[in-house]
Amino acid sequence: MNTPIDPHDRILRTYTEPEVTALLRELHERGRPLGLRWGSAAVSDPTIDGRLLVDFGDAPVSTLLNLLTLLREVTRE
């Protein structure tokens, strides 16, 4: 199992809105077969200290990346 990404990791400042949108698309695709749905999840306008937020409770991008890591491990073929 991979180590979770910390919300304050400097690499998170490098993610752009199109990259995060693509990650959200992957989250929707991988989560759908498992009954995980975030239909309203989107890149949020506000940022915290230069980091984009994902609008499902204004979670940092690290939350999105950590969720995707878990889904990738579960759906690994």
PDB file of N, CA and C in Angstrom:
ATOM      1  N   MET A   1       0.833  -1.177   0.000  1.00  0.00           N
ATOM      2  CA  MET A   1       0.000   0.000   0.000  1.00  0.00           C
ATOM      3  C   MET A   1       0.882   1.247   0.000  1.00  0.00           C
ATOM      4  N   ASN A   2       0.469   2.249  -0.744  1.00  0.00           N
ATOM      5  CA  ASN A   2       1.209   3.502  -0.812  1.00  0.00           C
ATOM      6  C   ASN A   2       0.954   4.349   0.429  1.00  0.00           C
ATOM      7  N   THR A   3       1.911   5.186   0.751  1.00  0.00           N
ATOM      8  CA  THR A   3       1.761   6.116   1.864  1.00  0.00           C
ATOM      9  C   THR A   3       0.839   7.249   1.429  1.00  0.00           C
ATOM     10  N   PRO A   4      -0.144   7.615   2.246  1.00  0.00           N
ATOM     11  CA  PRO A   4      -1.047   8.715   1.876  1.00  0.00           C
ATOM     12  C   PRO A   4      -0.281  10.022   1.664  1.00  0.00           C
ATOM     13  N   ILE A   5      -0.794  10.827   0.763  1.00  0.00           N
ATOM     14  CA  ILE A   5      -0.204  12.134   0.486  1.00  0.00           C
ATOM     15  C   ILE A   5      -0.708  13.116   1.533  1.00  0.00           C
ATOM     16  N   ASP A   6       0.201  13.849   2.104  1.00  0.00           N
ATOM     17  CA  ASP A   6      -0.146  14.851   3.111  1.00  0.00           C
ATOM     18  C   ASP A   6      -0.755  16.073   2.419  1.00  0.00           C
ATOM     19  N   PRO A   7      -1.797  16.674   3.000  1.00  0.00           N
ATOM     20  CA  PRO A   7      -2.415  17.856   2.389  1.00  0.00           C
ATOM     21  C   PRO A   7      -1.455  19.031   2.211  1.00  0.00           C
ATOM     22  N   HIS A   8      -0.321  19.018   2.899  1.00  0.00           N
ATOM     23  CA  HIS A   8       0.632  20.127   2.799  1.00  0.00           C
ATOM     24  C   HIS A   8       1.824  19.801   1.916  1.00  0.00           C
ATOM     25  N   ASP A   9       1.766  18.663   1.217  1.00  0.00           N
ATOM     26  CA  ASP A   9       2.864  18.271   0.330  1.00  0.00           C
ATOM     27  C   ASP A   9       3.022  19.328  -0.770  1.00  0.00           C
ATOM     28  N   ARG A  10       4.238  19.773  -0.985  1.00  0.00           N
ATOM     29  CA  ARG A  10       4.507  20.838  -1.971  1.00  0.00           C
ATOM     30  C   ARG A  10       4.117  20.445  -3.398  1.00  0.00           C
ATOM     31  N   ILE A  11       4.138  19.153  -3.718  1.00  0.00           N
ATOM     32  CA  ILE A  11       3.802  18.715  -5.077  1.00  0.00           C
ATOM     33  C   ILE A  11       2.370  19.093  -5.441  1.00  0.00           C
ATOM     34  N   LEU A  12       1.512  19.234  -4.455  1.00  0.00           N
ATOM     35  CA  LEU A  12       0.114  19.561  -4.727  1.00  0.00           C
ATOM     36  C   LEU A  12      -0.044  20.948  -5.349  1.00  0.00           C
ATOM     37  N   ARG A  13       0.904  21.813  -5.150  1.00  0.00           N
ATOM     38  CA  ARG A  13       0.840  23.159  -5.738  1.00  0.00           C
ATOM     39  C   ARG A  13       1.060  23.135  -7.248  1.00  0.00           C
ATOM     40  N   THR A  14       1.545  22.028  -7.770  1.00  0.00           N
ATOM     41  CA  THR A  14       1.836  21.958  -9.202  1.00  0.00           C
ATOM     42  C   THR A  14       0.634  21.489 -10.022  1.00  0.00           C
ATOM     43  N   TYR A  15      -0.409  20.984  -9.385  1.00  0.00           N
ATOM     44  CA  TYR A  15      -1.570  20.476 -10.117  1.00  0.00           C
ATOM     45  C   TYR A  15      -2.390  21.626 -10.683  1.00  0.00           C
ATOM     46  N   THR A  16      -2.759  21.487 -11.957  1.00  0.00           N
ATOM     47  CA  THR A  16      -3.588  22.504 -12.616  1.00  0.00           C
ATOM     48  C   THR A  16      -5.046  22.055 -12.608  1.00  0.00           C
ATOM     49  N   GLU A  17      -5.931  22.971 -12.919  1.00  0.00           N
ATOM     50  CA  GLU A  17      -7.353  22.643 -12.946  1.00  0.00           C
ATOM     51  C   GLU A  17      -7.669  21.533 -13.949  1.00  0.00           C
ATOM     52  N   PRO A  18      -7.115  21.548 -15.183  1.00  0.00           N
ATOM     53  CA  PRO A  18      -7.381  20.441 -16.113  1.00  0.00           C
ATOM     54  C   PRO A  18      -6.885  19.090 -15.591  1.00  0.00           C
ATOM     55  N   GLU A  19      -5.748  19.076 -14.899  1.00  0.00           N
ATOM     56  CA  GLU A  19      -5.230  17.824 -14.344  1.00  0.00           C
ATOM     57  C   GLU A  19      -6.153  17.296 -13.244  1.00  0.00           C
ATOM     58  N   VAL A  20      -6.612  18.190 -12.380  1.00  0.00           N
ATOM     59  CA  VAL A  20      -7.507  17.773 -11.305  1.00  0.00           C
ATOM     60  C   VAL A  20      -8.844  17.319 -11.876  1.00  0.00           C
ATOM     61  N   THR A  21      -9.325  17.993 -12.909  1.00  0.00           N
ATOM     62  CA  THR A  21     -10.568  17.581 -13.563  1.00  0.00           C
ATOM     63  C   THR A  21     -10.428  16.176 -14.137  1.00  0.00           C
ATOM     64  N   ALA A  22      -9.276  15.862 -14.735  1.00  0.00           N
ATOM     65  CA  ALA A  22      -9.033  14.515 -15.270  1.00  0.00           C
ATOM     66  C   ALA A  22      -8.996  13.489 -14.139  1.00  0.00           C
ATOM     67  N   LEU A  23      -8.398  13.841 -13.012  1.00  0.00           N
ATOM     68  CA  LEU A  23      -8.373  12.937 -11.865  1.00  0.00           C
ATOM     69  C   LEU A  23      -9.788  12.700 -11.331  1.00  0.00           C
ATOM     70  N   LEU A  24     -10.607  13.729 -11.316  1.00  0.00           N
ATOM     71  CA  LEU A  24     -11.999  13.577 -10.884  1.00  0.00           C
ATOM     72  C   LEU A  24     -12.756  12.635 -11.818  1.00  0.00           C
ATOM     73  N   ARG A  25     -12.489  12.761 -13.119  1.00  0.00           N
ATOM     74  CA  ARG A  25     -13.116  11.858 -14.090  1.00  0.00           C
ATOM     75  C   ARG A  25     -12.728  10.413 -13.795  1.00  0.00           C
ATOM     76  N   GLU A  26     -11.452  10.200 -13.508  1.00  0.00           N
ATOM     77  CA  GLU A  26     -10.994   8.851 -13.171  1.00  0.00           C
ATOM     78  C   GLU A  26     -11.656   8.357 -11.891  1.00  0.00           C
ATOM     79  N   LEU A  27     -11.795   9.238 -10.901  1.00  0.00           N
ATOM     80  CA  LEU A  27     -12.463   8.881  -9.652  1.00  0.00           C
ATOM     81  C   LEU A  27     -13.889   8.426  -9.924  1.00  0.00           C
ATOM     82  N   HIS A  28     -14.599   9.152 -10.779  1.00  0.00           N
ATOM     83  CA  HIS A  28     -15.973   8.775 -11.126  1.00  0.00           C
ATOM     84  C   HIS A  28     -16.005   7.414 -11.812  1.00  0.00           C
ATOM     85  N   GLU A  29     -15.102   7.198 -12.761  1.00  0.00           N
ATOM     86  CA  GLU A  29     -15.078   5.944 -13.516  1.00  0.00           C
ATOM     87  C   GLU A  29     -14.731   4.751 -12.618  1.00  0.00           C
ATOM     88  N   ARG A  30     -13.720   4.892 -11.797  1.00  0.00           N
ATOM     89  CA  ARG A  30     -13.300   3.784 -10.935  1.00  0.00           C
ATOM     90  C   ARG A  30     -14.273   3.543  -9.779  1.00  0.00           C
ATOM     91  N   GLY A  31     -14.897   4.594  -9.299  1.00  0.00           N
ATOM     92  CA  GLY A  31     -15.806   4.465  -8.165  1.00  0.00           C
ATOM     93  C   GLY A  31     -17.179   3.938  -8.526  1.00  0.00           C
ATOM     94  N   ARG A  32     -17.626   4.216  -9.744  1.00  0.00           N
ATOM     95  CA  ARG A  32     -18.983   3.834 -10.170  1.00  0.00           C
ATOM     96  C   ARG A  32     -19.275   2.342  -9.973  1.00  0.00           C
ATOM     97  N   PRO A  33     -18.406   1.422 -10.427  1.00  0.00           N
ATOM     98  CA  PRO A  33     -18.705  -0.005 -10.241  1.00  0.00           C
ATOM     99  C   PRO A  33     -18.772  -0.429  -8.773  1.00  0.00           C
ATOM    100  N   LEU A  34     -18.165   0.358  -7.905  1.00  0.00           N
ATOM    101  CA  LEU A  34     -18.160   0.037  -6.477  1.00  0.00           C
ATOM    102  C   LEU A  34     -19.263   0.771  -5.719  1.00  0.00           C
ATOM    103  N   GLY A  35     -20.092   1.505  -6.454  1.00  0.00           N
ATOM    104  CA  GLY A  35     -21.185   2.234  -5.820  1.00  0.00           C
ATOM    105  C   GLY A  35     -20.751   3.555  -5.209  1.00  0.00           C
ATOM    106  N   LEU A  36     -19.545   4.011  -5.507  1.00  0.00           N
ATOM    107  CA  LEU A  36     -19.052   5.289  -4.995  1.00  0.00           C
ATOM    108  C   LEU A  36     -19.327   6.371  -6.027  1.00  0.00           C
ATOM    109  N   ARG A  37     -20.130   7.331  -5.651  1.00  0.00           N
ATOM    110  CA  ARG A  37     -20.495   8.386  -6.593  1.00  0.00           C
ATOM    111  C   ARG A  37     -20.290   9.757  -5.975  1.00  0.00           C
ATOM    112  N   TRP A  38     -19.643  10.598  -6.750  1.00  0.00           N
ATOM    113  CA  TRP A  38     -19.461  11.992  -6.362  1.00  0.00           C
ATOM    114  C   TRP A  38     -19.882  12.842  -7.548  1.00  0.00           C
ATOM    115  N   GLY A  39     -21.160  12.818  -7.840  1.00  0.00           N
ATOM    116  CA  GLY A  39     -21.679  13.512  -9.016  1.00  0.00           C
ATOM    117  C   GLY A  39     -21.438  14.999  -9.007  1.00  0.00           C
ATOM    118  N   SER A  40     -21.409  15.585  -7.841  1.00  0.00           N
ATOM    119  CA  SER A  40     -21.226  17.035  -7.771  1.00  0.00           C
ATOM    120  C   SER A  40     -19.768  17.438  -7.543  1.00  0.00           C
ATOM    121  N   ALA A  41     -18.870  16.479  -7.452  1.00  0.00           N
ATOM    122  CA  ALA A  41     -17.468  16.816  -7.211  1.00  0.00           C
ATOM    123  C   ALA A  41     -16.902  17.584  -8.397  1.00  0.00           C
ATOM    124  N   ALA A  42     -16.233  18.661  -8.090  1.00  0.00           N
ATOM    125  CA  ALA A  42     -15.628  19.499  -9.122  1.00  0.00           C
ATOM    126  C   ALA A  42     -14.499  20.297  -8.497  1.00  0.00           C
ATOM    127  N   VAL A  43     -13.691  20.878  -9.354  1.00  0.00           N
ATOM    128  CA  VAL A  43     -12.647  21.761  -8.860  1.00  0.00           C
ATOM    129  C   VAL A  43     -13.332  22.995  -8.296  1.00  0.00           C
ATOM    130  N   SER A  44     -12.934  23.384  -7.111  1.00  0.00           N
ATOM    131  CA  SER A  44     -13.555  24.502  -6.414  1.00  0.00           C
ATOM    132  C   SER A  44     -12.794  25.787  -6.685  1.00  0.00           C
ATOM    133  N   ASP A  45     -13.506  26.903  -6.692  1.00  0.00           N
ATOM    134  CA  ASP A  45     -12.861  28.204  -6.912  1.00  0.00           C
ATOM    135  C   ASP A  45     -11.895  28.595  -5.805  1.00  0.00           C
ATOM    136  N   PRO A  46     -12.276  28.443  -4.546  1.00  0.00           N
ATOM    137  CA  PRO A  46     -11.326  28.898  -3.521  1.00  0.00           C
ATOM    138  C   PRO A  46     -10.093  28.005  -3.453  1.00  0.00           C
ATOM    139  N   THR A  47      -9.007  28.585  -3.057  1.00  0.00           N
ATOM    140  CA  THR A  47      -7.777  27.837  -2.825  1.00  0.00           C
ATOM    141  C   THR A  47      -7.311  28.125  -1.404  1.00  0.00           C
ATOM    142  N   ILE A  48      -6.498  27.236  -0.897  1.00  0.00           N
ATOM    143  CA  ILE A  48      -5.883  27.454   0.407  1.00  0.00           C
ATOM    144  C   ILE A  48      -4.381  27.448   0.196  1.00  0.00           C
ATOM    145  N   ASP A  49      -3.767  28.568   0.454  1.00  0.00           N
ATOM    146  CA  ASP A  49      -2.315  28.679   0.351  1.00  0.00           C
ATOM    147  C   ASP A  49      -1.809  28.208  -1.008  1.00  0.00           C
ATOM    148  N   GLY A  50      -2.525  28.551  -2.069  1.00  0.00           N
ATOM    149  CA  GLY A  50      -2.107  28.209  -3.421  1.00  0.00           C
ATOM    150  C   GLY A  50      -2.477  26.821  -3.885  1.00  0.00           C
ATOM    151  N   ARG A  51      -3.194  26.055  -3.060  1.00  0.00           N
ATOM    152  CA  ARG A  51      -3.585  24.693  -3.441  1.00  0.00           C
ATOM    153  C   ARG A  51      -5.041  24.685  -3.867  1.00  0.00           C
ATOM    154  N   LEU A  52      -5.319  24.013  -4.989  1.00  0.00           N
ATOM    155  CA  LEU A  52      -6.699  23.861  -5.454  1.00  0.00           C
ATOM    156  C   LEU A  52      -7.480  22.982  -4.496  1.00  0.00           C
ATOM    157  N   LEU A  53      -8.769  23.232  -4.407  1.00  0.00           N
ATOM    158  CA  LEU A  53      -9.648  22.397  -3.594  1.00  0.00           C
ATOM    159  C   LEU A  53     -10.608  21.653  -4.500  1.00  0.00           C
ATOM    160  N   VAL A  54     -11.056  20.515  -4.048  1.00  0.00           N
ATOM    161  CA  VAL A  54     -12.067  19.745  -4.753  1.00  0.00           C
ATOM    162  C   VAL A  54     -13.344  19.904  -3.966  1.00  0.00           C
ATOM    163  N   ASP A  55     -14.413  20.252  -4.665  1.00  0.00           N
ATOM    164  CA  ASP A  55     -15.667  20.561  -3.981  1.00  0.00           C
ATOM    165  C   ASP A  55     -16.490  19.305  -3.711  1.00  0.00           C
ATOM    166  N   PHE A  56     -16.096  18.549  -2.722  1.00  0.00           N
ATOM    167  CA  PHE A  56     -16.965  17.614  -2.034  1.00  0.00           C
ATOM    168  C   PHE A  56     -16.586  17.749  -0.569  1.00  0.00           C
ATOM    169  N   GLY A  57     -16.977  18.917  -0.056  1.00  0.00           N
ATOM    170  CA  GLY A  57     -16.604  19.290   1.294  1.00  0.00           C
ATOM    171  C   GLY A  57     -15.312  20.097   1.295  1.00  0.00           C
ATOM    172  N   ASP A  58     -14.985  20.731   0.172  1.00  0.00           N
ATOM    173  CA  ASP A  58     -13.749  21.503   0.022  1.00  0.00           C
ATOM    174  C   ASP A  58     -12.529  20.711   0.466  1.00  0.00           C
ATOM    175  N   ALA A  59     -12.456  19.493   0.002  1.00  0.00           N
ATOM    176  CA  ALA A  59     -11.313  18.630   0.312  1.00  0.00           C
ATOM    177  C   ALA A  59     -10.104  19.069  -0.503  1.00  0.00           C
ATOM    178  N   PRO A  60      -8.910  18.950   0.057  1.00  0.00           N
ATOM    179  CA  PRO A  60      -7.717  19.258  -0.724  1.00  0.00           C
ATOM    180  C   PRO A  60      -7.483  18.175  -1.782  1.00  0.00           C
ATOM    181  N   VAL A  61      -6.689  18.504  -2.775  1.00  0.00           N
ATOM    182  CA  VAL A  61      -6.380  17.560  -3.847  1.00  0.00           C
ATOM    183  C   VAL A  61      -5.767  16.281  -3.272  1.00  0.00           C
ATOM    184  N   SER A  62      -5.083  16.385  -2.146  1.00  0.00           N
ATOM    185  CA  SER A  62      -4.492  15.187  -1.540  1.00  0.00           C
ATOM    186  C   SER A  62      -5.571  14.150  -1.216  1.00  0.00           C
ATOM    187  N   THR A  63      -6.752  14.595  -0.809  1.00  0.00           N
ATOM    188  CA  THR A  63      -7.849  13.663  -0.529  1.00  0.00           C
ATOM    189  C   THR A  63      -8.251  12.934  -1.803  1.00  0.00           C
ATOM    190  N   LEU A  64      -8.362  13.668  -2.901  1.00  0.00           N
ATOM    191  CA  LEU A  64      -8.687  13.066  -4.191  1.00  0.00           C
ATOM    192  C   LEU A  64      -7.629  12.044  -4.582  1.00  0.00           C
ATOM    193  N   LEU A  65      -6.365  12.399  -4.463  1.00  0.00           N
ATOM    194  CA  LEU A  65      -5.288  11.492  -4.841  1.00  0.00           C
ATOM    195  C   LEU A  65      -5.255  10.256  -3.946  1.00  0.00           C
ATOM    196  N   ASN A  66      -5.501  10.438  -2.657  1.00  0.00           N
ATOM    197  CA  ASN A  66      -5.518   9.288  -1.749  1.00  0.00           C
ATOM    198  C   ASN A  66      -6.701   8.368  -2.044  1.00  0.00           C
ATOM    199  N   LEU A  67      -7.863   8.933  -2.356  1.00  0.00           N
ATOM    200  CA  LEU A  67      -9.016   8.107  -2.741  1.00  0.00           C
ATOM    201  C   LEU A  67      -8.723   7.328  -4.016  1.00  0.00           C
ATOM    202  N   LEU A  68      -8.129   8.001  -4.987  1.00  0.00           N
ATOM    203  CA  LEU A  68      -7.792   7.323  -6.238  1.00  0.00           C
ATOM    204  C   LEU A  68      -6.793   6.200  -6.011  1.00  0.00           C
ATOM    205  N   THR A  69      -5.830   6.409  -5.153  1.00  0.00           N
ATOM    206  CA  THR A  69      -4.857   5.360  -4.847  1.00  0.00           C
ATOM    207  C   THR A  69      -5.560   4.128  -4.300  1.00  0.00           C
ATOM    208  N   LEU A  70      -6.488   4.350  -3.374  1.00  0.00           N
ATOM    209  CA  LEU A  70      -7.244   3.218  -2.811  1.00  0.00           C
ATOM    210  C   LEU A  70      -8.073   2.517  -3.876  1.00  0.00           C
ATOM    211  N   LEU A  71      -8.750   3.287  -4.718  1.00  0.00           N
ATOM    212  CA  LEU A  71      -9.565   2.688  -5.780  1.00  0.00           C
ATOM    213  C   LEU A  71      -8.712   1.936  -6.784  1.00  0.00           C
ATOM    214  N   ARG A  72      -7.553   2.479  -7.112  1.00  0.00           N
ATOM    215  CA  ARG A  72      -6.647   1.784  -8.046  1.00  0.00           C
ATOM    216  C   ARG A  72      -6.200   0.440  -7.478  1.00  0.00           C
ATOM    217  N   GLU A  73      -5.947   0.398  -6.183  1.00  0.00           N
ATOM    218  CA  GLU A  73      -5.535  -0.859  -5.546  1.00  0.00           C
ATOM    219  C   GLU A  73      -6.681  -1.868  -5.535  1.00  0.00           C
ATOM    220  N   VAL A  74      -7.882  -1.406  -5.290  1.00  0.00           N
ATOM    221  CA  VAL A  74      -9.052  -2.293  -5.240  1.00  0.00           C
ATOM    222  C   VAL A  74      -9.392  -2.824  -6.625  1.00  0.00           C
ATOM    223  N   THR A  75      -9.257  -1.973  -7.645  1.00  0.00           N
ATOM    224  CA  THR A  75      -9.670  -2.357  -8.992  1.00  0.00           C
ATOM    225  C   THR A  75      -8.517  -2.877  -9.844  1.00  0.00           C
ATOM    226  N   ARG A  76      -7.367  -3.074  -9.227  1.00  0.00           N
ATOM    227  CA  ARG A  76      -6.194  -3.568  -9.962  1.00  0.00           C
ATOM    228  C   ARG A  76      -6.532  -4.895 -10.620  1.00  0.00           C
ATOM    229  N   GLU A  77      -6.210  -4.997 -11.890  1.00  0.00           N
ATOM    230  CA  GLU A  77      -6.525  -6.229 -12.623  1.00  0.00           C
ATOM    231  C   GLU A  77      -5.315  -7.101 -12.783  1.00  0.00           C
TER     232      GLU A  77
END
